Amino acid sequence: MTSPAEIAFRPEDAVEIAEFPGRIVIFVGADGRVPALARKLDRPMRGALKRFLASEAFAALKPAEAADLGYPAGLAAEAVQVVRLEPRAAAVEARRAGAAIAKARGTAGVLVLAGSHPRAAEIAQGLALRDYDFTAHKSAEPKPRGAVTFLVAKPEAVAAAAAPMAAVTEGVFFTRDLVNEPSNVLTTEDFAARLAAMQELGLEVEILEEADLKALGMGALLGVGQGSASPSKVVVLQWRGGPADQPPFALVGKGVCFDSGGISIKPAAGMEEMTMDMGGAGVVAGVMRSLALRRAKANVVGLVGLVENMPSGTAQRPGDVVRSMKGDTIEVINTDAEGRLVLADVLWYAQERFQPSGIIDLATLTGAIIVALGHEKTGVFANDDALCAAFLKAAEAEGEGAWRMPLGEAYDKLLKSRIADMKNTGGRPGGAVTAAQFLARFVKPETPWIHLDIAGTALLKTDSALAPKGATGWGVLSLDRLIRDRFEA
């Protein structure tokens, strides 16, 4: 698994700043006032730093943006990087400042003059998140990166604050690695094995095989995978960190390891990106890893349905009728509307077995949500205002875009089938909403529930604030914060 950058926190006098040969980073607010630790730079630089801070170039920097003063006279450094950041900056802004350091980082070491900045831990987390690089399938060895050292006033306190953030960062990396993996590597069996390996972190892991799923009556999920040589599975991960009598909160993820569309096959252009159709399961896995690493004081269960949707002589056909674990029959109008079939059975199983205090499911479910919201925000559908408000608050605090979408009877009527209890698609209009409305039929009225359609945010073709292009790990930060705020506070 890709590991976050190794970052050390050391006392302010631990390194001779003028002799440091790599990159030196300082943080300056809008007033242009040089922090105490950074004042050691201006004399050897012969006033160049003060002149820059008085210039229009510095004034033009936006919060969390950076500029380089290359090969400064009087210093051994290859550059002094000036990052615009206020002392009282929000955590999100501090992370973005850290990301600015990572983007400019080369092979040389980095010395961050954080001093007494109250957001030093968040800056370090942003640096680590943006420093991610997926190189598992490249023949060339990645270039070695220099060490990152933060000079801070209270290194022990900053390290203690950074420790749980490092655990969540590793969870984000775990999600990104899963989503970036090609489908010939991340098969349903390989995915399940990676989850089983997390038992060493203290998670309880159970793998339900096809025979188990048949016995449970999961006809909707099994129908999706019946055309593939890769066996369908459901993996259950439990973290018991809270009181023994506390019901767990449940996370459910769609894990379609490759989605060809099945018999309703997708167009060839862009189909290679369907390796990411297990993104929801990837986020659930990353959150569960984070909870275990930071020893969260909450009870959480993660459930992922792992299948592959392929066309073959045994594949599910348009017009087939399948029976879900709940007992409802579903007419399969389009085999490419498969994720909701997987989630339907896993949602019902989660409720029947665990009686959770609430459920959040995640899925790269519809292209329609990308039409509606682009790649900036995840679509949020909910049957419970309080849980939805708590999640949106957590997502805003973590800087992960999310927007509440509607549900309603008018959309539900579009799922009416002539020959079964329902059909699996309501057509093109409001496609993201009717998909969520389908899932709502498998959520008990007394269960607080959120559906997150992450089709537009799980994987990007361009860099984002905290990630290079590719898998983002969207949702790990927000869900971890929700659990901290709602169940651990």
Protein backbone atom coordinates (compact mmCIF):
# COMPACT_ATOMS: atom_id res chain seq x y z
CA MET A 1 0.00 0.00 0.00
CA THR A 2 1.14 3.54 -0.74
CA SER A 3 2.31 5.20 2.47
CA PRO A 4 1.98 8.87 3.43
CA ALA A 5 5.14 10.95 3.41
CA GLU A 6 7.29 10.58 6.50
CA ILE A 7 7.17 13.87 8.37
CA ALA A 8 9.19 14.75 11.47
CA PHE A 9 8.41 17.45 14.01
CA ARG A 10 11.51 18.89 15.65
CA PRO A 11 12.36 21.82 17.95
CA GLU A 12 12.92 25.22 16.40
CA ASP A 13 16.67 25.13 17.03
CA ALA A 14 17.20 21.57 15.76
CA VAL A 15 18.45 22.62 12.30
CA GLU A 16 20.79 25.41 11.23
CA ILE A 17 18.42 27.13 8.83
CA ALA A 18 21.01 29.07 6.81
CA GLU A 19 22.91 25.86 6.08
CA PHE A 20 19.90 23.77 5.01
CA PRO A 21 20.43 22.66 1.38
CA GLY A 22 16.87 21.85 0.30
CA ARG A 23 13.66 23.89 0.23
CA ILE A 24 12.73 26.18 3.11
CA VAL A 25 9.05 27.01 3.66
CA ILE A 26 7.63 29.95 5.60
CA PHE A 27 4.03 31.06 6.24
CA VAL A 28 3.04 34.69 5.99
CA GLY A 29 -0.35 36.30 6.53
CA ALA A 30 -1.91 39.08 4.48
CA ASP A 31 -0.18 41.72 6.60
CA GLY A 32 3.22 40.57 5.29
CA ARG A 33 4.64 40.24 8.78
CA VAL A 34 7.55 37.79 8.89
CA PRO A 35 7.13 35.10 11.57
CA ALA A 36 9.79 35.07 14.28
CA LEU A 37 11.47 31.86 13.13
CA ALA A 38 11.62 33.09 9.52
CA ARG A 39 13.35 36.35 10.46
CA LYS A 40 16.61 34.44 10.49
CA LEU A 41 16.35 34.33 6.69
CA ASP A 42 16.10 37.97 5.77
CA ARG A 43 19.57 39.11 6.87
CA PRO A 44 21.51 36.52 4.83
CA MET A 45 19.06 37.12 1.96
CA ARG A 46 20.01 40.83 2.13
CA GLY A 47 16.44 41.99 2.52
CA ALA A 48 15.12 40.06 -0.50
CA LEU A 49 12.40 38.41 1.60
CA LYS A 50 11.07 41.73 2.92
CA ARG A 51 11.12 43.21 -0.58
CA PHE A 52 9.08 40.28 -1.90
CA LEU A 53 6.55 40.58 0.92
CA ALA A 54 6.08 44.25 0.04
CA SER A 55 5.62 43.49 -3.66
CA GLU A 56 2.52 43.14 -5.84
CA ALA A 57 3.50 39.50 -6.45
CA PHE A 58 2.95 38.68 -2.78
CA ALA A 59 -0.24 40.76 -2.62
CA ALA A 60 -1.61 38.75 -5.55
CA LEU A 61 -1.24 35.43 -3.72
CA LYS A 62 -4.55 33.93 -2.62
CA PRO A 63 -4.88 32.08 0.71
CA ALA A 64 -2.92 28.79 0.63
CA GLU A 65 -1.06 29.80 -2.56
CA ALA A 66 2.73 29.85 -2.69
CA ALA A 67 5.60 31.52 -4.51
CA ASP A 68 9.28 30.55 -4.77
CA LEU A 69 12.34 32.71 -4.25
CA GLY A 70 14.88 30.57 -6.06
CA TYR A 71 18.49 30.05 -4.98
CA PRO A 72 18.50 32.91 -2.46
CA ALA A 73 21.83 34.65 -1.86
CA GLY A 74 23.33 33.97 1.54
CA LEU A 75 21.51 30.63 2.02
CA ALA A 76 22.40 27.08 1.06
CA ALA A 77 18.75 26.44 0.16
CA GLU A 78 17.66 25.84 -3.41
CA ALA A 79 14.50 27.89 -2.74
CA VAL A 80 12.55 29.73 -0.08
CA GLN A 81 8.87 29.03 -0.57
CA VAL A 82 6.52 31.69 0.79
CA VAL A 83 3.01 30.36 1.52
CA ARG A 84 0.14 32.74 2.15
CA LEU A 85 -1.54 31.50 5.34
CA GLU A 86 -3.08 33.34 8.26
CA PRO A 87 -2.32 32.23 11.84
CA ARG A 88 -6.04 31.63 12.40
CA ALA A 89 -6.68 29.89 9.11
CA ALA A 90 -9.33 27.17 8.97
CA ALA A 91 -8.18 23.55 8.92
CA VAL A 92 -9.19 23.17 5.25
CA GLU A 93 -7.10 26.17 4.25
CA ALA A 94 -4.12 24.89 6.24
CA ARG A 95 -4.34 21.54 4.43
CA ARG A 96 -4.32 23.34 1.10
CA ALA A 97 -1.25 25.25 2.18
CA GLY A 98 0.41 21.92 2.93
CA ALA A 99 -0.64 20.68 -0.50
CA ALA A 100 1.06 23.70 -2.07
CA ILE A 101 4.30 22.60 -0.41
CA ALA A 102 3.89 19.06 -1.73
CA LYS A 103 3.19 20.19 -5.30
CA ALA A 104 6.46 22.16 -5.41
CA ARG A 105 8.45 19.47 -3.64
CA GLY A 106 11.18 17.77 -5.62
CA THR A 107 13.89 15.33 -4.59
CA ALA A 108 15.49 17.72 -2.10
CA GLY A 109 14.58 17.79 1.55
CA VAL A 110 12.01 20.26 2.86
CA LEU A 111 12.35 22.36 6.01
CA VAL A 112 9.05 23.86 7.12
CA LEU A 113 9.40 26.80 9.52
CA ALA A 114 6.05 26.34 11.25
CA GLY A 115 7.15 27.75 14.63
CA SER A 116 4.09 28.28 16.82
CA HIS A 117 1.56 28.15 13.95
CA PRO A 118 -1.60 26.62 15.46
CA ARG A 119 -2.34 24.68 12.28
CA ALA A 120 1.00 22.91 11.91
CA ALA A 121 -0.59 19.44 12.15
CA GLU A 122 -3.17 20.24 9.46
CA ILE A 123 -0.46 21.67 7.21
CA ALA A 124 1.45 18.42 7.57
CA GLN A 125 -1.66 16.40 6.73
CA GLY A 126 -2.30 18.43 3.59
CA LEU A 127 1.31 17.92 2.51
CA ALA A 128 0.99 14.16 3.01
CA LEU A 129 -2.36 13.92 1.17
CA ARG A 130 -1.06 15.79 -1.89
CA ASP A 131 2.25 13.90 -1.91
CA TYR A 132 0.45 10.67 -2.91
CA ASP A 133 1.64 8.93 -6.07
CA PHE A 134 0.37 5.61 -7.44
CA THR A 135 3.38 3.85 -8.97
CA ALA A 136 2.57 0.18 -8.35
CA HIS A 137 2.61 -0.73 -12.05
CA LYS A 138 5.48 1.44 -13.32
CA SER A 139 8.73 -0.33 -14.11
CA ALA A 140 10.97 2.59 -13.22
CA GLU A 141 11.78 3.03 -9.57
CA PRO A 142 10.27 6.24 -8.19
CA LYS A 143 12.78 8.97 -7.51
CA PRO A 144 13.74 9.20 -3.83
CA ARG A 145 12.16 12.14 -2.05
CA GLY A 146 13.94 14.19 0.57
CA ALA A 147 12.81 14.18 4.17
CA VAL A 148 10.22 16.67 5.41
CA THR A 149 11.03 18.34 8.72
CA PHE A 150 8.74 20.74 10.54
CA LEU A 151 10.45 23.07 12.99
CA VAL A 152 7.83 23.81 15.64
CA ALA A 153 7.72 25.40 19.07
CA LYS A 154 6.16 22.34 20.75
CA PRO A 155 7.06 19.25 18.72
CA GLU A 156 5.54 16.71 21.12
CA ALA A 157 2.18 18.50 21.15
CA VAL A 158 2.11 18.88 17.37
CA ALA A 159 3.06 15.23 16.86
CA ALA A 160 0.25 14.16 19.21
CA ALA A 161 -2.26 16.28 17.27
CA ALA A 162 -0.97 14.91 13.95
CA ALA A 163 -1.16 11.22 14.91
CA PRO A 164 -4.92 10.70 14.35
CA MET A 165 -4.69 12.77 11.17
CA ALA A 166 -1.96 10.44 9.92
CA ALA A 167 -4.27 7.48 10.57
CA VAL A 168 -7.02 9.06 8.46
CA THR A 169 -4.50 9.95 5.75
CA GLU A 170 -3.48 6.30 5.56
CA GLY A 171 -7.16 5.44 5.18
CA VAL A 172 -7.43 7.90 2.28
CA PHE A 173 -4.37 6.34 0.65
CA PHE A 174 -5.84 2.86 1.08
CA THR A 175 -8.99 4.02 -0.73
CA ARG A 176 -7.00 5.69 -3.51
CA ASP A 177 -4.87 2.60 -4.04
CA LEU A 178 -7.97 0.41 -4.34
CA VAL A 179 -9.70 2.76 -6.80
CA ASN A 180 -6.55 3.21 -8.91
CA GLU A 181 -5.87 -0.53 -9.24
CA PRO A 182 -6.70 -2.16 -12.60
CA SER A 183 -9.41 -4.80 -12.55
CA ASN A 184 -7.13 -7.64 -13.57
CA VAL A 185 -5.32 -7.02 -10.27
CA LEU A 186 -8.19 -5.96 -8.00
CA THR A 187 -10.53 -8.87 -8.62
CA THR A 188 -13.30 -9.64 -6.14
CA GLU A 189 -11.01 -12.23 -4.53
CA ASP A 190 -8.06 -9.87 -4.29
CA PHE A 191 -10.24 -7.10 -2.85
CA ALA A 192 -11.61 -9.46 -0.22
CA ALA A 193 -8.09 -10.63 0.66
CA ARG A 194 -6.91 -7.04 1.18
CA LEU A 195 -9.81 -6.46 3.52
CA ALA A 196 -9.15 -9.69 5.38
CA ALA A 197 -5.57 -8.55 5.98
CA MET A 198 -6.93 -5.69 8.10
CA GLN A 199 -7.70 -8.16 10.84
CA GLU A 200 -4.16 -7.44 12.04
CA LEU A 201 -5.33 -3.90 12.86
CA GLY A 202 -8.07 -5.19 15.14
CA LEU A 203 -10.96 -5.28 12.71
CA GLU A 204 -13.23 -8.32 12.66
CA VAL A 205 -13.51 -9.44 9.04
CA GLU A 206 -16.00 -11.95 7.65
CA ILE A 207 -16.26 -12.97 4.00
CA LEU A 208 -19.60 -14.29 2.72
CA GLU A 209 -19.17 -16.48 -0.34
CA GLU A 210 -21.69 -17.17 -3.10
CA ALA A 211 -23.17 -20.17 -1.27
CA ASP A 212 -23.75 -17.97 1.77
CA LEU A 213 -25.34 -15.26 -0.37
CA LYS A 214 -27.67 -17.80 -2.02
CA ALA A 215 -28.72 -19.08 1.38
CA LEU A 216 -29.48 -15.51 2.46
CA GLY A 217 -31.57 -14.94 -0.67
CA MET A 218 -29.41 -12.20 -2.20
CA GLY A 219 -30.75 -12.76 -5.72
CA ALA A 220 -30.34 -9.12 -6.75
CA LEU A 221 -26.61 -9.02 -5.97
CA LEU A 222 -25.90 -12.49 -7.35
CA GLY A 223 -27.66 -11.66 -10.62
CA VAL A 224 -25.17 -8.87 -11.30
CA GLY A 225 -22.14 -11.14 -10.99
CA GLN A 226 -23.46 -14.29 -12.63
CA GLY A 227 -21.82 -13.50 -15.98
CA SER A 228 -18.32 -13.21 -14.52
CA ALA A 229 -15.69 -15.79 -13.68
CA SER A 230 -14.92 -13.76 -10.53
CA PRO A 231 -17.10 -14.95 -7.64
CA SER A 232 -19.42 -12.48 -5.95
CA LYS A 233 -18.78 -11.79 -2.27
CA VAL A 234 -19.94 -9.67 0.63
CA VAL A 235 -17.29 -8.62 3.14
CA VAL A 236 -18.27 -7.49 6.64
CA LEU A 237 -15.79 -5.43 8.68
CA GLN A 238 -16.57 -4.64 12.31
CA TRP A 239 -14.86 -2.14 14.58
CA ARG A 240 -15.94 -2.39 18.20
CA GLY A 241 -14.41 0.62 19.92
CA GLY A 242 -17.49 1.94 21.69
CA PRO A 243 -19.70 0.70 24.55
CA ALA A 244 -20.81 -2.90 24.25
CA ASP A 245 -24.47 -1.90 24.28
CA GLN A 246 -24.09 0.78 21.59
CA PRO A 247 -25.63 -0.31 18.25
CA PRO A 248 -23.20 0.10 15.38
CA PHE A 249 -23.35 2.74 12.70
CA ALA A 250 -23.26 1.09 9.28
CA LEU A 251 -21.36 2.00 6.12
CA VAL A 252 -22.30 0.16 2.92
CA GLY A 253 -20.27 0.29 -0.29
CA LYS A 254 -20.84 -0.69 -3.90
CA GLY A 255 -17.89 -2.80 -5.00
CA VAL A 256 -18.28 -3.50 -8.73
CA CYS A 257 -14.65 -4.33 -9.49
CA PHE A 258 -15.28 -3.83 -13.19
CA ASP A 259 -18.46 -2.64 -14.88
CA SER A 260 -18.73 -3.45 -18.56
CA GLY A 261 -22.46 -2.74 -18.37
CA GLY A 262 -23.16 -6.44 -18.86
CA ILE A 263 -25.45 -7.30 -21.78
CA SER A 264 -26.44 -3.60 -21.85
CA ILE A 265 -22.78 -2.99 -22.64
CA LYS A 266 -21.23 0.44 -22.25
CA PRO A 267 -19.62 2.36 -25.16
CA ALA A 268 -15.95 1.48 -25.63
CA ALA A 269 -14.76 5.07 -25.17
CA GLY A 270 -13.97 5.61 -21.53
CA MET A 271 -14.84 2.08 -20.43
CA GLU A 272 -11.33 1.71 -18.99
CA GLU A 273 -12.38 4.04 -16.19
CA MET A 274 -14.90 1.47 -14.99
CA THR A 275 -12.12 -0.02 -12.90
CA MET A 276 -13.24 2.66 -10.39
CA ASP A 277 -16.80 1.36 -10.06
CA MET A 278 -15.85 -0.16 -6.73
CA GLY A 279 -15.20 3.34 -5.38
CA GLY A 280 -17.93 3.18 -2.75
CA ALA A 281 -16.52 -0.04 -1.31
CA GLY A 282 -13.07 1.57 -1.43
CA VAL A 283 -14.22 4.48 0.73
CA VAL A 284 -15.85 2.13 3.24
CA ALA A 285 -12.58 0.18 3.43
CA GLY A 286 -10.56 3.38 3.92
CA VAL A 287 -12.82 4.64 6.71
CA MET A 288 -12.70 1.30 8.53
CA ARG A 289 -8.90 1.31 8.26
CA SER A 290 -8.77 4.84 9.67
CA LEU A 291 -11.01 3.92 12.61
CA ALA A 292 -8.83 0.94 13.48
CA LEU A 293 -5.56 2.85 13.16
CA ARG A 294 -6.69 5.67 15.42
CA ARG A 295 -8.53 3.31 17.81
CA ALA A 296 -11.84 5.11 17.41
CA LYS A 297 -14.19 5.01 20.39
CA ALA A 298 -17.24 4.00 18.36
CA ASN A 299 -18.94 0.89 17.03
CA VAL A 300 -19.00 0.87 13.24
CA VAL A 301 -19.69 -1.90 10.75
CA GLY A 302 -18.66 -1.69 7.11
CA LEU A 303 -20.25 -3.92 4.49
CA VAL A 304 -19.19 -4.12 0.84
CA GLY A 305 -20.74 -6.05 -2.00
CA LEU A 306 -18.03 -7.24 -4.39
CA VAL A 307 -19.06 -8.30 -7.91
CA GLU A 308 -17.95 -7.98 -11.52
CA ASN A 309 -20.50 -7.05 -14.20
CA MET A 310 -19.57 -8.89 -17.40
CA PRO A 311 -21.35 -10.07 -20.56
CA SER A 312 -21.26 -13.81 -21.20
CA GLY A 313 -23.50 -16.77 -21.88
CA THR A 314 -24.46 -16.86 -18.22
CA ALA A 315 -24.92 -13.11 -17.79
CA GLN A 316 -28.10 -11.48 -16.58
CA ARG A 317 -30.33 -10.28 -19.44
CA PRO A 318 -32.52 -7.21 -19.81
CA GLY A 319 -36.01 -8.38 -18.95
CA ASP A 320 -34.91 -10.86 -16.28
CA VAL A 321 -36.69 -10.78 -12.93
CA VAL A 322 -34.70 -11.33 -9.74
CA ARG A 323 -35.79 -11.61 -6.13
CA SER A 324 -34.00 -9.53 -3.51
CA MET A 325 -33.13 -10.61 0.02
CA LYS A 326 -36.01 -8.42 1.22
CA GLY A 327 -38.34 -10.54 -0.90
CA ASP A 328 -39.26 -7.90 -3.49
CA THR A 329 -39.00 -8.83 -7.16
CA ILE A 330 -37.11 -6.59 -9.57
CA GLU A 331 -37.44 -6.42 -13.35
CA VAL A 332 -33.99 -5.75 -14.79
CA ILE A 333 -34.59 -3.20 -17.53
CA ASN A 334 -30.92 -2.32 -17.98
CA THR A 335 -28.05 -4.51 -16.78
CA ASP A 336 -25.88 -1.39 -16.55
CA ALA A 337 -28.05 -0.17 -13.65
CA GLU A 338 -26.40 -2.85 -11.56
CA GLY A 339 -24.98 -1.02 -8.55
CA ARG A 340 -28.40 -0.46 -7.03
CA LEU A 341 -29.07 -4.21 -7.23
CA VAL A 342 -25.89 -4.90 -5.26
CA LEU A 343 -26.67 -2.24 -2.67
CA ALA A 344 -30.29 -3.33 -2.26
CA ASP A 345 -29.29 -6.70 -0.83
CA VAL A 346 -26.38 -5.43 1.25
CA LEU A 347 -28.50 -2.62 2.74
CA TRP A 348 -31.19 -5.09 3.76
CA TYR A 349 -28.68 -7.53 5.19
CA ALA A 350 -27.03 -4.75 7.22
CA GLN A 351 -30.35 -3.82 8.80
CA GLU A 352 -31.52 -7.37 9.43
CA ARG A 353 -28.29 -8.48 11.07
CA PHE A 354 -27.00 -5.39 12.88
CA GLN A 355 -30.03 -3.12 13.56
CA PRO A 356 -27.70 -0.13 13.06
CA SER A 357 -28.27 3.34 14.50
CA GLY A 358 -28.04 4.63 10.95
CA ILE A 359 -26.67 3.76 7.51
CA ILE A 360 -24.67 5.63 4.90
CA ASP A 361 -24.14 3.93 1.56
CA LEU A 362 -21.64 5.09 -1.04
CA ALA A 363 -21.61 4.25 -4.72
CA THR A 364 -20.35 5.44 -8.08
CA LEU A 365 -23.96 4.96 -9.03
CA THR A 366 -25.04 7.22 -11.89
CA GLY A 367 -23.70 9.32 -14.70
CA ALA A 368 -26.75 11.50 -14.08
CA ILE A 369 -25.22 12.91 -10.88
CA ILE A 370 -22.25 14.12 -12.92
CA VAL A 371 -24.63 15.89 -15.30
CA ALA A 372 -26.31 17.52 -12.29
CA LEU A 373 -23.31 18.43 -10.12
CA GLY A 374 -20.21 17.94 -12.24
CA HIS A 375 -17.08 16.79 -10.44
CA GLU A 376 -17.23 19.34 -7.63
CA LYS A 377 -19.80 17.82 -5.31
CA THR A 378 -21.19 14.44 -4.31
CA GLY A 379 -24.96 13.98 -4.47
CA VAL A 380 -26.49 13.47 -1.01
CA PHE A 381 -29.89 11.79 -0.62
CA ALA A 382 -31.39 11.24 2.82
CA ASN A 383 -34.51 10.18 4.69
CA ASP A 384 -33.36 11.84 7.94
CA ASP A 385 -32.75 15.58 8.22
CA ALA A 386 -30.63 15.40 11.39
CA LEU A 387 -28.22 12.82 10.01
CA CYS A 388 -28.04 14.64 6.69
CA ALA A 389 -27.28 17.97 8.39
CA ALA A 390 -24.56 16.33 10.50
CA PHE A 391 -22.96 14.81 7.42
CA LEU A 392 -23.09 18.03 5.40
CA LYS A 393 -21.50 19.88 8.33
CA ALA A 394 -18.70 17.28 8.47
CA ALA A 395 -18.15 17.44 4.70
CA GLU A 396 -17.94 21.24 4.79
CA ALA A 397 -15.45 21.16 7.66
CA GLU A 398 -13.28 18.72 5.71
CA GLY A 399 -13.55 20.60 2.42
CA GLU A 400 -15.24 17.73 0.57
CA GLY A 401 -18.01 19.06 -1.66
CA ALA A 402 -21.50 17.67 -1.06
CA TRP A 403 -24.99 18.80 -2.04
CA ARG A 404 -28.39 17.51 -0.89
CA MET A 405 -30.65 16.21 -3.64
CA PRO A 406 -34.41 15.54 -3.52
CA LEU A 407 -36.41 12.38 -2.97
CA GLY A 408 -40.17 12.08 -3.48
CA GLU A 409 -43.18 10.02 -4.45
CA ALA A 410 -43.28 11.39 -7.97
CA TYR A 411 -39.82 9.91 -8.64
CA ASP A 412 -40.78 6.66 -6.93
CA LYS A 413 -43.68 6.12 -9.34
CA LEU A 414 -41.22 5.95 -12.22
CA LEU A 415 -39.98 2.60 -10.90
CA LYS A 416 -43.30 0.84 -11.43
CA SER A 417 -42.96 -2.44 -13.35
CA ARG A 418 -45.60 -4.28 -15.38
CA ILE A 419 -44.41 -7.74 -14.35
CA ALA A 420 -42.56 -7.35 -11.03
CA ASP A 421 -42.70 -5.31 -7.82
CA MET A 422 -40.39 -2.71 -9.37
CA LYS A 423 -37.96 -2.14 -12.21
CA ASN A 424 -34.31 -1.23 -11.72
CA THR A 425 -34.34 2.06 -13.62
CA GLY A 426 -36.77 4.91 -14.00
CA GLY A 427 -35.36 6.19 -17.28
CA ARG A 428 -33.09 9.15 -18.08
CA PRO A 429 -34.98 12.05 -16.46
CA GLY A 430 -33.83 12.48 -12.87
CA GLY A 431 -31.71 9.37 -13.16
CA ALA A 432 -29.69 9.99 -9.98
CA VAL A 433 -32.89 10.61 -8.02
CA THR A 434 -34.73 7.51 -9.24
CA ALA A 435 -31.63 5.43 -8.44
CA ALA A 436 -31.68 6.78 -4.88
CA GLN A 437 -35.45 6.23 -4.75
CA PHE A 438 -34.85 2.59 -5.69
CA LEU A 439 -32.41 2.20 -2.78
CA ALA A 440 -34.88 3.86 -0.41
CA ARG A 441 -37.22 0.90 -0.93
CA PHE A 442 -34.65 -1.27 0.84
CA VAL A 443 -34.27 1.00 3.86
CA LYS A 444 -36.62 0.46 6.79
CA PRO A 445 -38.62 3.56 7.75
CA GLU A 446 -37.10 3.62 11.23
CA THR A 447 -33.49 3.57 9.94
CA PRO A 448 -31.78 6.97 9.41
CA TRP A 449 -30.15 6.68 5.99
CA ILE A 450 -27.99 8.64 3.56
CA HIS A 451 -27.07 7.64 0.02
CA LEU A 452 -23.93 9.26 -1.42
CA ASP A 453 -23.57 9.14 -5.21
CA ILE A 454 -19.82 9.63 -5.68
CA ALA A 455 -19.69 8.99 -9.44
CA GLY A 456 -18.37 12.50 -10.06
CA THR A 457 -15.96 12.79 -7.16
CA ALA A 458 -14.30 9.38 -6.73
CA LEU A 459 -11.86 9.76 -9.63
CA LEU A 460 -10.81 12.91 -11.49
CA LYS A 461 -8.96 13.54 -14.75
CA THR A 462 -7.27 16.62 -13.31
CA ASP A 463 -5.50 17.45 -10.06
CA SER A 464 -7.65 18.44 -7.12
CA ALA A 465 -6.67 20.52 -4.10
CA LEU A 466 -5.38 17.54 -2.11
CA ALA A 467 -4.77 14.84 -4.72
CA PRO A 468 -3.07 14.30 -8.07
CA LYS A 469 -5.32 13.24 -10.95
CA GLY A 470 -6.87 9.82 -10.44
CA ALA A 471 -8.53 8.49 -7.32
CA THR A 472 -9.35 11.15 -4.73
CA GLY A 473 -10.41 9.14 -1.68
CA TRP A 474 -13.41 11.48 -1.40
CA GLY A 475 -15.50 10.69 1.66
CA VAL A 476 -12.94 9.18 4.02
CA LEU A 477 -12.25 12.52 5.71
CA SER A 478 -15.93 13.47 6.00
CA LEU A 479 -17.14 10.11 7.28
CA ASP A 480 -14.34 9.89 9.82
CA ARG A 481 -15.25 13.35 11.10
CA LEU A 482 -18.96 12.45 11.22
CA ILE A 483 -18.17 9.42 13.36
CA ARG A 484 -15.90 11.47 15.64
CA ASP A 485 -18.48 14.24 16.05
CA ARG A 486 -21.60 12.08 16.33
CA PHE A 487 -20.43 9.00 18.22
CA GLU A 488 -17.16 9.85 19.95
CA ALA A 489 -17.68 13.43 21.13
